[in-house]
Amino acid sequence: MNKSDLATRLARQTRLSKAAAADQLDRLVHEIVFNLRQGQPERLPGLGSFSPGQKWKFRFDAEVRRGRKHG
C-alpha cells in the first residue's frame, strides 16, 4: 500500500476529499519525524511505535505480529 492508496482509503472512510486526506497523512508523517528528531518516541495505537535514535526503529504491537489486528 502506498500513500495514494492510504489517502484514497482515508478519504472514503472519513468523507474527506482525496487531497484533504493526503494532507492529513502528510501532517501525520511530519509530526512523527519531528518528534523522532526531538528524541521523543511516537506511537500509532493498534499498530506499533517508532523509537528515536541514530537509526529510527519501528516495532509492531504484539497483537499485530500475531496477526490479530486487521484494518
PDB file of N, CA and C in Angstrom:
ATOM      1  N   MET A   1       0.843  -1.157   0.000  1.00  0.00           N
ATOM      2  CA  MET A   1       0.000   0.000   0.000  1.00  0.00           C
ATOM      3  C   MET A   1       0.899   1.233   0.000  1.00  0.00           C
ATOM      4  N   ASN A   2       0.595   2.190  -0.848  1.00  0.00           N
ATOM      5  CA  ASN A   2       1.382   3.410  -0.907  1.00  0.00           C
ATOM      6  C   ASN A   2       0.550   4.605  -0.407  1.00  0.00           C
ATOM      7  N   LYS A   3       1.141   5.790  -0.444  1.00  0.00           N
ATOM      8  CA  LYS A   3       0.470   6.979   0.080  1.00  0.00           C
ATOM      9  C   LYS A   3      -0.858   7.240  -0.635  1.00  0.00           C
ATOM     10  N   SER A   4      -0.876   7.087  -1.932  1.00  0.00           N
ATOM     11  CA  SER A   4      -2.109   7.315  -2.696  1.00  0.00           C
ATOM     12  C   SER A   4      -3.209   6.336  -2.269  1.00  0.00           C
ATOM     13  N   ASP A   5      -2.841   5.087  -2.059  1.00  0.00           N
ATOM     14  CA  ASP A   5      -3.813   4.088  -1.602  1.00  0.00           C
ATOM     15  C   ASP A   5      -4.347   4.451  -0.213  1.00  0.00           C
ATOM     16  N   LEU A   6      -3.437   4.856   0.673  1.00  0.00           N
ATOM     17  CA  LEU A   6      -3.860   5.250   2.018  1.00  0.00           C
ATOM     18  C   LEU A   6      -4.775   6.466   1.975  1.00  0.00           C
ATOM     19  N   ALA A   7      -4.424   7.453   1.152  1.00  0.00           N
ATOM     20  CA  ALA A   7      -5.248   8.660   1.038  1.00  0.00           C
ATOM     21  C   ALA A   7      -6.634   8.326   0.500  1.00  0.00           C
ATOM     22  N   THR A   8      -6.697   7.445  -0.476  1.00  0.00           N
ATOM     23  CA  THR A   8      -7.986   7.044  -1.040  1.00  0.00           C
ATOM     24  C   THR A   8      -8.846   6.359   0.015  1.00  0.00           C
ATOM     25  N   ARG A   9      -8.239   5.457   0.756  1.00  0.00           N
ATOM     26  CA  ARG A   9      -8.984   4.738   1.799  1.00  0.00           C
ATOM     27  C   ARG A   9      -9.434   5.679   2.924  1.00  0.00           C
ATOM     28  N   LEU A  10      -8.530   6.556   3.349  1.00  0.00           N
ATOM     29  CA  LEU A  10      -8.867   7.531   4.379  1.00  0.00           C
ATOM     30  C   LEU A  10      -9.990   8.458   3.900  1.00  0.00           C
ATOM     31  N   ALA A  11      -9.918   8.891   2.660  1.00  0.00           N
ATOM     32  CA  ALA A  11     -10.953   9.765   2.102  1.00  0.00           C
ATOM     33  C   ALA A  11     -12.312   9.069   2.116  1.00  0.00           C
ATOM     34  N   ARG A  12     -12.336   7.822   1.720  1.00  0.00           N
ATOM     35  CA  ARG A  12     -13.593   7.065   1.713  1.00  0.00           C
ATOM     36  C   ARG A  12     -14.178   6.924   3.115  1.00  0.00           C
ATOM     37  N   GLN A  13     -13.320   6.601   4.073  1.00  0.00           N
ATOM     38  CA  GLN A  13     -13.801   6.333   5.424  1.00  0.00           C
ATOM     39  C   GLN A  13     -14.180   7.601   6.186  1.00  0.00           C
ATOM     40  N   THR A  14     -13.596   8.735   5.824  1.00  0.00           N
ATOM     41  CA  THR A  14     -13.853   9.970   6.559  1.00  0.00           C
ATOM     42  C   THR A  14     -14.677  10.981   5.777  1.00  0.00           C
ATOM     43  N   ARG A  15     -14.957  10.655   4.528  1.00  0.00           N
ATOM     44  CA  ARG A  15     -15.706  11.541   3.635  1.00  0.00           C
ATOM     45  C   ARG A  15     -14.988  12.859   3.378  1.00  0.00           C
ATOM     46  N   LEU A  16     -13.665  12.803   3.416  1.00  0.00           N
ATOM     47  CA  LEU A  16     -12.829  13.931   3.019  1.00  0.00           C
ATOM     48  C   LEU A  16     -12.510  13.767   1.539  1.00  0.00           C
ATOM     49  N   SER A  17     -12.053  14.849   0.917  1.00  0.00           N
ATOM     50  CA  SER A  17     -11.556  14.706  -0.451  1.00  0.00           C
ATOM     51  C   SER A  17     -10.231  13.945  -0.383  1.00  0.00           C
ATOM     52  N   LYS A  18      -9.842  13.382  -1.502  1.00  0.00           N
ATOM     53  CA  LYS A  18      -8.580  12.649  -1.521  1.00  0.00           C
ATOM     54  C   LYS A  18      -7.413  13.591  -1.208  1.00  0.00           C
ATOM     55  N   ALA A  19      -7.491  14.825  -1.699  1.00  0.00           N
ATOM     56  CA  ALA A  19      -6.430  15.807  -1.434  1.00  0.00           C
ATOM     57  C   ALA A  19      -6.353  16.132   0.053  1.00  0.00           C
ATOM     58  N   ALA A  20      -7.502  16.312   0.699  1.00  0.00           N
ATOM     59  CA  ALA A  20      -7.514  16.611   2.135  1.00  0.00           C
ATOM     60  C   ALA A  20      -6.985  15.428   2.932  1.00  0.00           C
ATOM     61  N   ALA A  21      -7.334  14.221   2.521  1.00  0.00           N
ATOM     62  CA  ALA A  21      -6.836  13.025   3.201  1.00  0.00           C
ATOM     63  C   ALA A  21      -5.322  12.915   3.040  1.00  0.00           C
ATOM     64  N   ALA A  22      -4.813  13.207   1.846  1.00  0.00           N
ATOM     65  CA  ALA A  22      -3.361  13.171   1.611  1.00  0.00           C
ATOM     66  C   ALA A  22      -2.662  14.220   2.476  1.00  0.00           C
ATOM     67  N   ASP A  23      -3.276  15.392   2.638  1.00  0.00           N
ATOM     68  CA  ASP A  23      -2.711  16.426   3.518  1.00  0.00           C
ATOM     69  C   ASP A  23      -2.648  15.944   4.962  1.00  0.00           C
ATOM     70  N   GLN A  24      -3.683  15.245   5.415  1.00  0.00           N
ATOM     71  CA  GLN A  24      -3.690  14.710   6.776  1.00  0.00           C
ATOM     72  C   GLN A  24      -2.566  13.682   6.958  1.00  0.00           C
ATOM     73  N   LEU A  25      -2.360  12.836   5.972  1.00  0.00           N
ATOM     74  CA  LEU A  25      -1.269  11.860   6.038  1.00  0.00           C
ATOM     75  C   LEU A  25       0.086  12.557   6.097  1.00  0.00           C
ATOM     76  N   ASP A  26       0.247  13.604   5.280  1.00  0.00           N
ATOM     77  CA  ASP A  26       1.500  14.364   5.306  1.00  0.00           C
ATOM     78  C   ASP A  26       1.746  14.967   6.681  1.00  0.00           C
ATOM     79  N   ARG A  27       0.712  15.525   7.287  1.00  0.00           N
ATOM     80  CA  ARG A  27       0.857  16.107   8.620  1.00  0.00           C
ATOM     81  C   ARG A  27       1.263  15.056   9.638  1.00  0.00           C
ATOM     82  N   LEU A  28       0.642  13.892   9.545  1.00  0.00           N
ATOM     83  CA  LEU A  28       0.966  12.811  10.468  1.00  0.00           C
ATOM     84  C   LEU A  28       2.431  12.392  10.335  1.00  0.00           C
ATOM     85  N   VAL A  29       2.880  12.190   9.117  1.00  0.00           N
ATOM     86  CA  VAL A  29       4.264  11.780   8.880  1.00  0.00           C
ATOM     87  C   VAL A  29       5.224  12.863   9.360  1.00  0.00           C
ATOM     88  N   HIS A  30       4.933  14.130   9.066  1.00  0.00           N
ATOM     89  CA  HIS A  30       5.797  15.221   9.506  1.00  0.00           C
ATOM     90  C   HIS A  30       5.859  15.295  11.032  1.00  0.00           C
ATOM     91  N   GLU A  31       4.729  15.067  11.693  1.00  0.00           N
ATOM     92  CA  GLU A  31       4.710  15.097  13.157  1.00  0.00           C
ATOM     93  C   GLU A  31       5.544  13.956  13.739  1.00  0.00           C
ATOM     94  N   ILE A  32       5.432  12.779  13.157  1.00  0.00           N
ATOM     95  CA  ILE A  32       6.221  11.636  13.613  1.00  0.00           C
ATOM     96  C   ILE A  32       7.708  11.926  13.449  1.00  0.00           C
ATOM     97  N   VAL A  33       8.102  12.416  12.283  1.00  0.00           N
ATOM     98  CA  VAL A  33       9.512  12.714  12.025  1.00  0.00           C
ATOM     99  C   VAL A  33      10.009  13.816  12.962  1.00  0.00           C
ATOM    100  N   PHE A  34       9.208  14.863  13.153  1.00  0.00           N
ATOM    101  CA  PHE A  34       9.599  15.952  14.048  1.00  0.00           C
ATOM    102  C   PHE A  34       9.842  15.425  15.457  1.00  0.00           C
ATOM    103  N   ASN A  35       8.912  14.631  15.976  1.00  0.00           N
ATOM    104  CA  ASN A  35       9.056  14.095  17.330  1.00  0.00           C
ATOM    105  C   ASN A  35      10.269  13.173  17.453  1.00  0.00           C
ATOM    106  N   LEU A  36      10.523  12.358  16.452  1.00  0.00           N
ATOM    107  CA  LEU A  36      11.699  11.486  16.484  1.00  0.00           C
ATOM    108  C   LEU A  36      12.980  12.313  16.492  1.00  0.00           C
ATOM    109  N   ARG A  37      13.009  13.389  15.724  1.00  0.00           N
ATOM    110  CA  ARG A  37      14.192  14.254  15.702  1.00  0.00           C
ATOM    111  C   ARG A  37      14.395  14.948  17.040  1.00  0.00           C
ATOM    112  N   GLN A  38      13.314  15.139  17.793  1.00  0.00           N
ATOM    113  CA  GLN A  38      13.398  15.746  19.116  1.00  0.00           C
ATOM    114  C   GLN A  38      13.732  14.710  20.187  1.00  0.00           C
ATOM    115  N   GLY A  39      13.890  13.456  19.762  1.00  0.00           N
ATOM    116  CA  GLY A  39      14.237  12.393  20.693  1.00  0.00           C
ATOM    117  C   GLY A  39      13.039  11.783  21.401  1.00  0.00           C
ATOM    118  N   GLN A  40      11.841  12.040  20.895  1.00  0.00           N
ATOM    119  CA  GLN A  40      10.624  11.524  21.517  1.00  0.00           C
ATOM    120  C   GLN A  40      10.097  10.329  20.724  1.00  0.00           C
ATOM    121  N   PRO A  41       9.703   9.276  21.418  1.00  0.00           N
ATOM    122  CA  PRO A  41       9.088   8.137  20.707  1.00  0.00           C
ATOM    123  C   PRO A  41       7.710   8.538  20.201  1.00  0.00           C
ATOM    124  N   GLU A  42       7.246   7.854  19.203  1.00  0.00           N
ATOM    125  CA  GLU A  42       5.920   8.133  18.638  1.00  0.00           C
ATOM    126  C   GLU A  42       5.169   6.819  18.522  1.00  0.00           C
ATOM    127  N   ARG A  43       3.931   6.802  18.955  1.00  0.00           N
ATOM    128  CA  ARG A  43       3.121   5.587  18.987  1.00  0.00           C
ATOM    129  C   ARG A  43       1.945   5.696  18.032  1.00  0.00           C
ATOM    130  N   LEU A  44       1.682   4.631  17.296  1.00  0.00           N
ATOM    131  CA  LEU A  44       0.496   4.517  16.450  1.00  0.00           C
ATOM    132  C   LEU A  44      -0.374   3.428  17.072  1.00  0.00           C
ATOM    133  N   PRO A  45      -1.399   3.819  17.836  1.00  0.00           N
ATOM    134  CA  PRO A  45      -2.221   2.842  18.551  1.00  0.00           C
ATOM    135  C   PRO A  45      -2.768   1.750  17.620  1.00  0.00           C
ATOM    136  N   GLY A  46      -2.644   0.530  18.084  1.00  0.00           N
ATOM    137  CA  GLY A  46      -3.129  -0.608  17.311  1.00  0.00           C
ATOM    138  C   GLY A  46      -2.180  -1.070  16.231  1.00  0.00           C
ATOM    139  N   LEU A  47      -1.055  -0.372  16.074  1.00  0.00           N
ATOM    140  CA  LEU A  47      -0.100  -0.749  15.040  1.00  0.00           C
ATOM    141  C   LEU A  47       1.288  -0.969  15.619  1.00  0.00           C
ATOM    142  N   GLY A  48       1.826   0.046  16.271  1.00  0.00           N
ATOM    143  CA  GLY A  48       3.160  -0.096  16.836  1.00  0.00           C
ATOM    144  C   GLY A  48       3.722   1.243  17.240  1.00  0.00           C
ATOM    145  N   SER A  49       5.057   1.305  17.350  1.00  0.00           N
ATOM    146  CA  SER A  49       5.684   2.540  17.789  1.00  0.00           C
ATOM    147  C   SER A  49       7.024   2.749  17.106  1.00  0.00           C
ATOM    148  N   PHE A  50       7.405   4.016  16.978  1.00  0.00           N
ATOM    149  CA  PHE A  50       8.694   4.419  16.455  1.00  0.00           C
ATOM    150  C   PHE A  50       9.561   4.815  17.629  1.00  0.00           C
ATOM    151  N   SER A  51      10.830   4.435  17.584  1.00  0.00           N
ATOM    152  CA  SER A  51      11.771   4.792  18.640  1.00  0.00           C
ATOM    153  C   SER A  51      12.857   5.673  18.055  1.00  0.00           C
ATOM    154  N   PRO A  52      13.192   6.775  18.754  1.00  0.00           N
ATOM    155  CA  PRO A  52      14.249   7.648  18.253  1.00  0.00           C
ATOM    156  C   PRO A  52      15.622   7.020  18.453  1.00  0.00           C
ATOM    157  N   GLY A  53      16.572   7.516  17.760  1.00  0.00           N
ATOM    158  CA  GLY A  53      17.945   7.053  17.868  1.00  0.00           C
ATOM    159  C   GLY A  53      18.683   7.405  16.592  1.00  0.00           C
ATOM    160  N   GLN A  54      19.901   6.934  16.476  1.00  0.00           N
ATOM    161  CA  GLN A  54      20.668   7.216  15.268  1.00  0.00           C
ATOM    162  C   GLN A  54      19.936   6.662  14.044  1.00  0.00           C
ATOM    163  N   LYS A  55      19.375   5.475  14.197  1.00  0.00           N
ATOM    164  CA  LYS A  55      18.511   4.894  13.165  1.00  0.00           C
ATOM    165  C   LYS A  55      17.154   4.668  13.813  1.00  0.00           C
ATOM    166  N   TRP A  56      16.128   5.285  13.249  1.00  0.00           N
ATOM    167  CA  TRP A  56      14.794   5.128  13.824  1.00  0.00           C
ATOM    168  C   TRP A  56      14.358   3.679  13.703  1.00  0.00           C
ATOM    169  N   LYS A  57      13.654   3.213  14.715  1.00  0.00           N
ATOM    170  CA  LYS A  57      13.176   1.831  14.724  1.00  0.00           C
ATOM    171  C   LYS A  57      11.660   1.834  14.822  1.00  0.00           C
ATOM    172  N   PHE A  58      11.040   0.894  14.142  1.00  0.00           N
ATOM    173  CA  PHE A  58       9.603   0.708  14.270  1.00  0.00           C
ATOM    174  C   PHE A  58       9.369  -0.668  14.851  1.00  0.00           C
ATOM    175  N   ARG A  59       8.511  -0.735  15.833  1.00  0.00           N
ATOM    176  CA  ARG A  59       8.197  -2.012  16.474  1.00  0.00           C
ATOM    177  C   ARG A  59       6.687  -2.217  16.435  1.00  0.00           C
ATOM    178  N   PHE A  60       6.266  -3.326  15.826  1.00  0.00           N
ATOM    179  CA  PHE A  60       4.846  -3.649  15.778  1.00  0.00           C
ATOM    180  C   PHE A  60       4.360  -4.086  17.154  1.00  0.00           C
ATOM    181  N   ASP A  61       3.115  -3.734  17.472  1.00  0.00           N
ATOM    182  CA  ASP A  61       2.497  -4.242  18.692  1.00  0.00           C
ATOM    183  C   ASP A  61       2.414  -5.760  18.607  1.00  0.00           C
ATOM    184  N   ALA A  62       2.405  -6.420  19.748  1.00  0.00           N
ATOM    185  CA  ALA A  62       2.381  -7.887  19.795  1.00  0.00           C
ATOM    186  C   ALA A  62       1.173  -8.452  19.061  1.00  0.00           C
ATOM    187  N   GLU A  63       0.015  -7.807  19.178  1.00  0.00           N
ATOM    188  CA  GLU A  63      -1.195  -8.319  18.522  1.00  0.00           C
ATOM    189  C   GLU A  63      -1.070  -8.263  17.009  1.00  0.00           C
ATOM    190  N   VAL A  64      -0.412  -7.255  16.498  1.00  0.00           N
ATOM    191  CA  VAL A  64      -0.214  -7.139  15.050  1.00  0.00           C
ATOM    192  C   VAL A  64       0.746  -8.225  14.578  1.00  0.00           C
ATOM    193  N   ARG A  65       1.812  -8.463  15.360  1.00  0.00           N
ATOM    194  CA  ARG A  65       2.777  -9.502  14.982  1.00  0.00           C
ATOM    195  C   ARG A  65       2.118 -10.868  14.900  1.00  0.00           C
ATOM    196  N   ARG A  66       1.149 -11.103  15.781  1.00  0.00           N
ATOM    197  CA  ARG A  66       0.465 -12.411  15.784  1.00  0.00           C
ATOM    198  C   ARG A  66      -0.678 -12.458  14.782  1.00  0.00           C
ATOM    199  N   GLY A  67      -0.905 -11.361  14.060  1.00  0.00           N
ATOM    200  CA  GLY A  67      -1.942 -11.339  13.038  1.00  0.00           C
ATOM    201  C   GLY A  67      -3.348 -11.143  13.584  1.00  0.00           C
ATOM    202  N   ARG A  68      -3.461 -10.574  14.767  1.00  0.00           N
ATOM    203  CA  ARG A  68      -4.782 -10.416  15.375  1.00  0.00           C
ATOM    204  C   ARG A  68      -5.422  -9.071  15.084  1.00  0.00           C
ATOM    205  N   LYS A  69      -4.682  -8.113  14.573  1.00  0.00           N
ATOM    206  CA  LYS A  69      -5.242  -6.805  14.229  1.00  0.00           C
ATOM    207  C   LYS A  69      -5.428  -6.729  12.730  1.00  0.00           C
ATOM    208  N   HIS A  70      -6.603  -6.401  12.326  1.00  0.00           N
ATOM    209  CA  HIS A  70      -6.893  -6.241  10.898  1.00  0.00           C
ATOM    210  C   HIS A  70      -7.660  -4.955  10.713  1.00  0.00           C
ATOM    211  N   GLY A  71      -7.263  -4.158   9.681  1.00  0.00           N
ATOM    212  CA  GLY A  71      -7.912  -2.878   9.427  1.00  0.00           C
ATOM    213  C   GLY A  71      -8.841  -2.984   8.358  1.00  0.00           C
TER     214      GLY A  71
END
